[in-house]
Amino acid sequence: MPVFESSRKVQVFGSSLTMTLPAMFVKANEVEKGSMLNVYYGLEGVLVISQCKDLEITAKCSNTILNELEEKAKTQNEDEG
């Protein structure tokens, strides 16, 4: 499964803070106005948004992303050291 990366700017919408979803995610998951997404987060600054209702699948996909991040961090550390 490919892992993609993008950055998002937090914006003000009324009295709330908002962030847009990446277009590729929206298209691939057929997200539209009114769609319900699951949000998982820790207070350490990590946020996971999933349309999948199956927690095992969400965990498996999250682990794939985490493995990619670990590889990227290793490469980054090797380049710096």
PDB file of N, CA and C in Angstrom:
ATOM      1  N   MET A   1       0.847  -1.174   0.000  1.00  0.00           N
ATOM      2  CA  MET A   1       0.000   0.000   0.000  1.00  0.00           C
ATOM      3  C   MET A   1       0.888   1.231   0.000  1.00  0.00           C
ATOM      4  N   PRO A   2       0.706   2.123  -0.969  1.00  0.00           N
ATOM      5  CA  PRO A   2       1.517   3.337  -0.982  1.00  0.00           C
ATOM      6  C   PRO A   2       1.117   4.274   0.153  1.00  0.00           C
ATOM      7  N   VAL A   3       2.088   5.015   0.640  1.00  0.00           N
ATOM      8  CA  VAL A   3       1.857   5.991   1.703  1.00  0.00           C
ATOM      9  C   VAL A   3       2.178   7.365   1.137  1.00  0.00           C
ATOM     10  N   PHE A   4       1.279   8.303   1.329  1.00  0.00           N
ATOM     11  CA  PHE A   4       1.437   9.653   0.796  1.00  0.00           C
ATOM     12  C   PHE A   4       1.612  10.637   1.946  1.00  0.00           C
ATOM     13  N   GLU A   5       2.210  11.766   1.631  1.00  0.00           N
ATOM     14  CA  GLU A   5       2.445  12.794   2.634  1.00  0.00           C
ATOM     15  C   GLU A   5       2.026  14.148   2.064  1.00  0.00           C
ATOM     16  N   SER A   6       1.397  14.949   2.877  1.00  0.00           N
ATOM     17  CA  SER A   6       1.074  16.311   2.481  1.00  0.00           C
ATOM     18  C   SER A   6       0.993  17.159   3.742  1.00  0.00           C
ATOM     19  N   SER A   7       1.016  18.459   3.568  1.00  0.00           N
ATOM     20  CA  SER A   7       0.855  19.341   4.722  1.00  0.00           C
ATOM     21  C   SER A   7      -0.444  20.119   4.550  1.00  0.00           C
ATOM     22  N   ARG A   8      -1.000  20.534   5.637  1.00  0.00           N
ATOM     23  CA  ARG A   8      -2.263  21.257   5.641  1.00  0.00           C
ATOM     24  C   ARG A   8      -2.144  22.447   6.577  1.00  0.00           C
ATOM     25  N   LYS A   9      -2.751  23.543   6.198  1.00  0.00           N
ATOM     26  CA  LYS A   9      -2.770  24.740   7.030  1.00  0.00           C
ATOM     27  C   LYS A   9      -4.080  24.761   7.804  1.00  0.00           C
ATOM     28  N   VAL A  10      -3.994  25.007   9.090  1.00  0.00           N
ATOM     29  CA  VAL A  10      -5.191  25.123   9.923  1.00  0.00           C
ATOM     30  C   VAL A  10      -5.802  26.495   9.674  1.00  0.00           C
ATOM     31  N   GLN A  11      -7.104  26.492   9.458  1.00  0.00           N
ATOM     32  CA  GLN A  11      -7.815  27.728   9.157  1.00  0.00           C
ATOM     33  C   GLN A  11      -8.938  27.947  10.160  1.00  0.00           C
ATOM     34  N   VAL A  12      -9.411  29.169  10.231  1.00  0.00           N
ATOM     35  CA  VAL A  12     -10.537  29.506  11.098  1.00  0.00           C
ATOM     36  C   VAL A  12     -11.808  29.452  10.271  1.00  0.00           C
ATOM     37  N   PHE A  13     -12.811  28.765  10.800  1.00  0.00           N
ATOM     38  CA  PHE A  13     -14.123  28.686  10.156  1.00  0.00           C
ATOM     39  C   PHE A  13     -15.150  28.970  11.241  1.00  0.00           C
ATOM     40  N   GLY A  14     -15.672  30.174  11.264  1.00  0.00           N
ATOM     41  CA  GLY A  14     -16.565  30.576  12.358  1.00  0.00           C
ATOM     42  C   GLY A  14     -15.755  30.644  13.636  1.00  0.00           C
ATOM     43  N   SER A  15     -16.198  29.908  14.647  1.00  0.00           N
ATOM     44  CA  SER A  15     -15.456  29.875  15.911  1.00  0.00           C
ATOM     45  C   SER A  15     -14.665  28.577  16.056  1.00  0.00           C
ATOM     46  N   SER A  16     -14.507  27.839  14.951  1.00  0.00           N
ATOM     47  CA  SER A  16     -13.785  26.558  14.966  1.00  0.00           C
ATOM     48  C   SER A  16     -12.512  26.643  14.139  1.00  0.00           C
ATOM     49  N   LEU A  17     -11.589  25.737  14.409  1.00  0.00           N
ATOM     50  CA  LEU A  17     -10.411  25.568  13.576  1.00  0.00           C
ATOM     51  C   LEU A  17     -10.684  24.399  12.641  1.00  0.00           C
ATOM     52  N   THR A  18     -10.304  24.520  11.378  1.00  0.00           N
ATOM     53  CA  THR A  18     -10.570  23.476  10.391  1.00  0.00           C
ATOM     54  C   THR A  18      -9.306  23.159   9.599  1.00  0.00           C
ATOM     55  N   MET A  19      -9.356  22.020   8.916  1.00  0.00           N
ATOM     56  CA  MET A  19      -8.269  21.594   8.056  1.00  0.00           C
ATOM     57  C   MET A  19      -8.895  20.808   6.910  1.00  0.00           C
ATOM     58  N   THR A  20      -8.424  21.045   5.692  1.00  0.00           N
ATOM     59  CA  THR A  20      -8.982  20.325   4.550  1.00  0.00           C
ATOM     60  C   THR A  20      -8.376  18.929   4.459  1.00  0.00           C
ATOM     61  N   LEU A  21      -9.095  18.031   3.780  1.00  0.00           N
ATOM     62  CA  LEU A  21      -8.600  16.680   3.529  1.00  0.00           C
ATOM     63  C   LEU A  21      -7.902  16.654   2.173  1.00  0.00           C
ATOM     64  N   PRO A  22      -6.849  15.858   2.047  1.00  0.00           N
ATOM     65  CA  PRO A  22      -6.182  15.752   0.742  1.00  0.00           C
ATOM     66  C   PRO A  22      -7.148  15.233  -0.329  1.00  0.00           C
ATOM     67  N   ALA A  23      -7.118  15.843  -1.512  1.00  0.00           N
ATOM     68  CA  ALA A  23      -8.031  15.472  -2.597  1.00  0.00           C
ATOM     69  C   ALA A  23      -7.920  13.999  -2.962  1.00  0.00           C
ATOM     70  N   MET A  24      -6.688  13.455  -2.964  1.00  0.00           N
ATOM     71  CA  MET A  24      -6.519  12.050  -3.315  1.00  0.00           C
ATOM     72  C   MET A  24      -7.233  11.138  -2.309  1.00  0.00           C
ATOM     73  N   PHE A  25      -7.163  11.474  -1.016  1.00  0.00           N
ATOM     74  CA  PHE A  25      -7.863  10.708   0.020  1.00  0.00           C
ATOM     75  C   PHE A  25      -9.368  10.776  -0.203  1.00  0.00           C
ATOM     76  N   VAL A  26      -9.849  11.983  -0.481  1.00  0.00           N
ATOM     77  CA  VAL A  26     -11.286  12.194  -0.700  1.00  0.00           C
ATOM     78  C   VAL A  26     -11.787  11.359  -1.879  1.00  0.00           C
ATOM     79  N   LYS A  27     -11.058  11.420  -2.990  1.00  0.00           N
ATOM     80  CA  LYS A  27     -11.460  10.678  -4.187  1.00  0.00           C
ATOM     81  C   LYS A  27     -11.364   9.171  -3.980  1.00  0.00           C
ATOM     82  N   ALA A  28     -10.249   8.716  -3.401  1.00  0.00           N
ATOM     83  CA  ALA A  28     -10.030   7.277  -3.223  1.00  0.00           C
ATOM     84  C   ALA A  28     -11.046   6.654  -2.276  1.00  0.00           C
ATOM     85  N   ASN A  29     -11.512   7.441  -1.310  1.00  0.00           N
ATOM     86  CA  ASN A  29     -12.437   6.917  -0.301  1.00  0.00           C
ATOM     87  C   ASN A  29     -13.864   7.412  -0.488  1.00  0.00           C
ATOM     88  N   GLU A  30     -14.102   8.106  -1.601  1.00  0.00           N
ATOM     89  CA  GLU A  30     -15.432   8.613  -1.940  1.00  0.00           C
ATOM     90  C   GLU A  30     -16.059   9.396  -0.783  1.00  0.00           C
ATOM     91  N   VAL A  31     -15.250  10.262  -0.176  1.00  0.00           N
ATOM     92  CA  VAL A  31     -15.727  11.119   0.908  1.00  0.00           C
ATOM     93  C   VAL A  31     -16.511  12.271   0.281  1.00  0.00           C
ATOM     94  N   GLU A  32     -17.664  12.541   0.831  1.00  0.00           N
ATOM     95  CA  GLU A  32     -18.475  13.650   0.341  1.00  0.00           C
ATOM     96  C   GLU A  32     -19.115  14.353   1.527  1.00  0.00           C
ATOM     97  N   LYS A  33     -19.738  15.468   1.268  1.00  0.00           N
ATOM     98  CA  LYS A  33     -20.408  16.227   2.319  1.00  0.00           C
ATOM     99  C   LYS A  33     -21.337  15.297   3.092  1.00  0.00           C
ATOM    100  N   GLY A  34     -21.221  15.312   4.414  1.00  0.00           N
ATOM    101  CA  GLY A  34     -22.052  14.468   5.264  1.00  0.00           C
ATOM    102  C   GLY A  34     -21.429  13.123   5.613  1.00  0.00           C
ATOM    103  N   SER A  35     -20.311  12.771   4.956  1.00  0.00           N
ATOM    104  CA  SER A  35     -19.633  11.508   5.273  1.00  0.00           C
ATOM    105  C   SER A  35     -19.157  11.528   6.721  1.00  0.00           C
ATOM    106  N   MET A  36     -19.234  10.383   7.363  1.00  0.00           N
ATOM    107  CA  MET A  36     -18.742  10.245   8.730  1.00  0.00           C
ATOM    108  C   MET A  36     -17.367   9.593   8.696  1.00  0.00           C
ATOM    109  N   LEU A  37     -16.401  10.228   9.370  1.00  0.00           N
ATOM    110  CA  LEU A  37     -15.053   9.691   9.469  1.00  0.00           C
ATOM    111  C   LEU A  37     -14.735   9.453  10.939  1.00  0.00           C
ATOM    112  N   ASN A  38     -13.918   8.447  11.195  1.00  0.00           N
ATOM    113  CA  ASN A  38     -13.475   8.156  12.556  1.00  0.00           C
ATOM    114  C   ASN A  38     -12.180   8.914  12.806  1.00  0.00           C
ATOM    115  N   VAL A  39     -12.057   9.534  13.964  1.00  0.00           N
ATOM    116  CA  VAL A  39     -10.871  10.296  14.323  1.00  0.00           C
ATOM    117  C   VAL A  39     -10.291   9.701  15.601  1.00  0.00           C
ATOM    118  N   TYR A  40      -9.011   9.324  15.527  1.00  0.00           N
ATOM    119  CA  TYR A  40      -8.289   8.785  16.675  1.00  0.00           C
ATOM    120  C   TYR A  40      -7.108   9.709  16.923  1.00  0.00           C
ATOM    121  N   TYR A  41      -6.871  10.062  18.180  1.00  0.00           N
ATOM    122  CA  TYR A  41      -5.771  10.974  18.464  1.00  0.00           C
ATOM    123  C   TYR A  41      -5.243  10.775  19.865  1.00  0.00           C
ATOM    124  N   GLY A  42      -3.988  11.138  20.019  1.00  0.00           N
ATOM    125  CA  GLY A  42      -3.346  11.174  21.322  1.00  0.00           C
ATOM    126  C   GLY A  42      -2.966  12.606  21.617  1.00  0.00           C
ATOM    127  N   LEU A  43      -2.656  12.889  22.846  1.00  0.00           N
ATOM    128  CA  LEU A  43      -2.321  14.257  23.232  1.00  0.00           C
ATOM    129  C   LEU A  43      -0.887  14.609  22.869  1.00  0.00           C
ATOM    130  N   GLU A  44      -0.164  13.675  22.244  1.00  0.00           N
ATOM    131  CA  GLU A  44       1.211  13.912  21.827  1.00  0.00           C
ATOM    132  C   GLU A  44       1.285  14.583  20.456  1.00  0.00           C
ATOM    133  N   GLY A  45       0.147  14.860  19.830  1.00  0.00           N
ATOM    134  CA  GLY A  45       0.148  15.553  18.555  1.00  0.00           C
ATOM    135  C   GLY A  45      -0.045  14.667  17.342  1.00  0.00           C
ATOM    136  N   VAL A  46      -0.523  13.438  17.538  1.00  0.00           N
ATOM    137  CA  VAL A  46      -0.757  12.530  16.411  1.00  0.00           C
ATOM    138  C   VAL A  46      -2.260  12.351  16.224  1.00  0.00           C
ATOM    139  N   LEU A  47      -2.696  12.466  14.965  1.00  0.00           N
ATOM    140  CA  LEU A  47      -4.104  12.375  14.603  1.00  0.00           C
ATOM    141  C   LEU A  47      -4.253  11.369  13.469  1.00  0.00           C
ATOM    142  N   VAL A  48      -5.188  10.451  13.595  1.00  0.00           N
ATOM    143  CA  VAL A  48      -5.469   9.471  12.548  1.00  0.00           C
ATOM    144  C   VAL A  48      -6.933   9.631  12.151  1.00  0.00           C
ATOM    145  N   ILE A  49      -7.176   9.792  10.854  1.00  0.00           N
ATOM    146  CA  ILE A  49      -8.540   9.910  10.338  1.00  0.00           C
ATOM    147  C   ILE A  49      -8.787   8.716   9.437  1.00  0.00           C
ATOM    148  N   SER A  50      -9.876   8.011   9.673  1.00  0.00           N
ATOM    149  CA  SER A  50     -10.156   6.799   8.912  1.00  0.00           C
ATOM    150  C   SER A  50     -11.633   6.725   8.563  1.00  0.00           C
ATOM    151  N   GLN A  51     -11.911   6.222   7.372  1.00  0.00           N
ATOM    152  CA  GLN A  51     -13.298   5.972   6.999  1.00  0.00           C
ATOM    153  C   GLN A  51     -13.678   4.525   7.300  1.00  0.00           C
ATOM    154  N   CYS A  52     -12.666   3.703   7.551  1.00  0.00           N
ATOM    155  CA  CYS A  52     -12.874   2.285   7.805  1.00  0.00           C
ATOM    156  C   CYS A  52     -13.493   2.080   9.192  1.00  0.00           C
ATOM    157  N   LYS A  53     -14.508   1.256   9.268  1.00  0.00           N
ATOM    158  CA  LYS A  53     -15.163   0.977  10.551  1.00  0.00           C
ATOM    159  C   LYS A  53     -14.505  -0.194  11.291  1.00  0.00           C
ATOM    160  N   ASP A  54     -13.743  -1.012  10.575  1.00  0.00           N
ATOM    161  CA  ASP A  54     -13.086  -2.181  11.154  1.00  0.00           C
ATOM    162  C   ASP A  54     -11.775  -1.746  11.814  1.00  0.00           C
ATOM    163  N   LEU A  55     -11.703  -1.844  13.146  1.00  0.00           N
ATOM    164  CA  LEU A  55     -10.520  -1.383  13.868  1.00  0.00           C
ATOM    165  C   LEU A  55      -9.274  -2.182  13.520  1.00  0.00           C
ATOM    166  N   GLU A  56      -9.423  -3.463  13.213  1.00  0.00           N
ATOM    167  CA  GLU A  56      -8.263  -4.278  12.838  1.00  0.00           C
ATOM    168  C   GLU A  56      -7.657  -3.776  11.531  1.00  0.00           C
ATOM    169  N   ILE A  57      -8.499  -3.448  10.566  1.00  0.00           N
ATOM    170  CA  ILE A  57      -8.008  -2.926   9.291  1.00  0.00           C
ATOM    171  C   ILE A  57      -7.379  -1.549   9.497  1.00  0.00           C
ATOM    172  N   THR A  58      -8.005  -0.706  10.309  1.00  0.00           N
ATOM    173  CA  THR A  58      -7.449   0.611  10.604  1.00  0.00           C
ATOM    174  C   THR A  58      -6.080   0.469  11.259  1.00  0.00           C
ATOM    175  N   ALA A  59      -5.947  -0.448  12.201  1.00  0.00           N
ATOM    176  CA  ALA A  59      -4.662  -0.675  12.881  1.00  0.00           C
ATOM    177  C   ALA A  59      -3.613  -1.179  11.891  1.00  0.00           C
ATOM    178  N   LYS A  60      -3.984  -2.110  11.018  1.00  0.00           N
ATOM    179  CA  LYS A  60      -3.052  -2.653  10.032  1.00  0.00           C
ATOM    180  C   LYS A  60      -2.561  -1.549   9.091  1.00  0.00           C
ATOM    181  N   CYS A  61      -3.477  -0.741   8.592  1.00  0.00           N
ATOM    182  CA  CYS A  61      -3.106   0.350   7.691  1.00  0.00           C
ATOM    183  C   CYS A  61      -2.273   1.405   8.418  1.00  0.00           C
ATOM    184  N   SER A  62      -2.607   1.690   9.663  1.00  0.00           N
ATOM    185  CA  SER A  62      -1.832   2.642  10.460  1.00  0.00           C
ATOM    186  C   SER A  62      -0.414   2.128  10.674  1.00  0.00           C
ATOM    187  N   ASN A  63      -0.271   0.822  10.905  1.00  0.00           N
ATOM    188  CA  ASN A  63       1.059   0.239  11.086  1.00  0.00           C
ATOM    189  C   ASN A  63       1.893   0.351   9.815  1.00  0.00           C
ATOM    190  N   THR A  64       1.258   0.217   8.655  1.00  0.00           N
ATOM    191  CA  THR A  64       1.969   0.387   7.391  1.00  0.00           C
ATOM    192  C   THR A  64       2.521   1.808   7.290  1.00  0.00           C
ATOM    193  N   ILE A  65       1.701   2.775   7.644  1.00  0.00           N
ATOM    194  CA  ILE A  65       2.138   4.171   7.609  1.00  0.00           C
ATOM    195  C   ILE A  65       3.265   4.401   8.615  1.00  0.00           C
ATOM    196  N   LEU A  66       3.130   3.838   9.819  1.00  0.00           N
ATOM    197  CA  LEU A  66       4.171   3.992  10.842  1.00  0.00           C
ATOM    198  C   LEU A  66       5.488   3.378  10.396  1.00  0.00           C
ATOM    199  N   ASN A  67       5.435   2.222   9.737  1.00  0.00           N
ATOM    200  CA  ASN A  67       6.653   1.591   9.235  1.00  0.00           C
ATOM    201  C   ASN A  67       7.336   2.476   8.198  1.00  0.00           C
ATOM    202  N   GLU A  68       6.542   3.098   7.326  1.00  0.00           N
ATOM    203  CA  GLU A  68       7.098   4.017   6.332  1.00  0.00           C
ATOM    204  C   GLU A  68       7.751   5.229   7.011  1.00  0.00           C
ATOM    205  N   LEU A  69       7.100   5.735   8.053  1.00  0.00           N
ATOM    206  CA  LEU A  69       7.668   6.869   8.793  1.00  0.00           C
ATOM    207  C   LEU A  69       8.978   6.486   9.475  1.00  0.00           C
ATOM    208  N   GLU A  70       9.048   5.272  10.030  1.00  0.00           N
ATOM    209  CA  GLU A  70      10.282   4.797  10.665  1.00  0.00           C
ATOM    210  C   GLU A  70      11.415   4.720   9.646  1.00  0.00           C
ATOM    211  N   GLU A  71      11.127   4.201   8.459  1.00  0.00           N
ATOM    212  CA  GLU A  71      12.136   4.121   7.401  1.00  0.00           C
ATOM    213  C   GLU A  71      12.606   5.515   6.985  1.00  0.00           C
ATOM    214  N   LYS A  72      11.662   6.429   6.863  1.00  0.00           N
ATOM    215  CA  LYS A  72      12.002   7.800   6.495  1.00  0.00           C
ATOM    216  C   LYS A  72      12.867   8.446   7.571  1.00  0.00           C
ATOM    217  N   ALA A  73      12.532   8.211   8.842  1.00  0.00           N
ATOM    218  CA  ALA A  73      13.304   8.770   9.958  1.00  0.00           C
ATOM    219  C   ALA A  73      14.715   8.193   9.965  1.00  0.00           C
ATOM    220  N   LYS A  74      14.865   6.895   9.700  1.00  0.00           N
ATOM    221  CA  LYS A  74      16.187   6.270   9.649  1.00  0.00           C
ATOM    222  C   LYS A  74      17.035   6.897   8.543  1.00  0.00           C
ATOM    223  N   THR A  75      16.429   7.065   7.369  1.00  0.00           N
ATOM    224  CA  THR A  75      17.139   7.663   6.243  1.00  0.00           C
ATOM    225  C   THR A  75      17.548   9.092   6.566  1.00  0.00           C
ATOM    226  N   GLN A  76      16.649   9.821   7.187  1.00  0.00           N
ATOM    227  CA  GLN A  76      16.918  11.210   7.553  1.00  0.00           C
ATOM    228  C   GLN A  76      18.073  11.279   8.562  1.00  0.00           C
ATOM    229  N   ASN A  77      18.057  10.378   9.554  1.00  0.00           N
ATOM    230  CA  ASN A  77      19.114  10.356  10.560  1.00  0.00           C
ATOM    231  C   ASN A  77      20.457   9.967   9.942  1.00  0.00           C
ATOM    232  N   GLU A  78      20.446   9.039   8.998  1.00  0.00           N
ATOM    233  CA  GLU A  78      21.683   8.626   8.319  1.00  0.00           C
ATOM    234  C   GLU A  78      22.257   9.779   7.502  1.00  0.00           C
ATOM    235  N   ASP A  79      21.361  10.536   6.849  1.00  0.00           N
ATOM    236  CA  ASP A  79      21.799  11.674   6.037  1.00  0.00           C
ATOM    237  C   ASP A  79      22.393  12.782   6.906  1.00  0.00           C
ATOM    238  N   GLU A  80      21.867  12.929   8.125  1.00  0.00           N
ATOM    239  CA  GLU A  80      22.357  13.974   9.038  1.00  0.00           C
ATOM    240  C   GLU A  80      23.625  13.561   9.751  1.00  0.00           C
ATOM    241  N   GLY A  81      23.837  12.251   9.913  1.00  0.00           N
ATOM    242  CA  GLY A  81      24.966  11.764  10.718  1.00  0.00           C
ATOM    243  C   GLY A  81      26.089  11.261   9.955  1.00  0.00           C
TER     244      GLY A  81
END
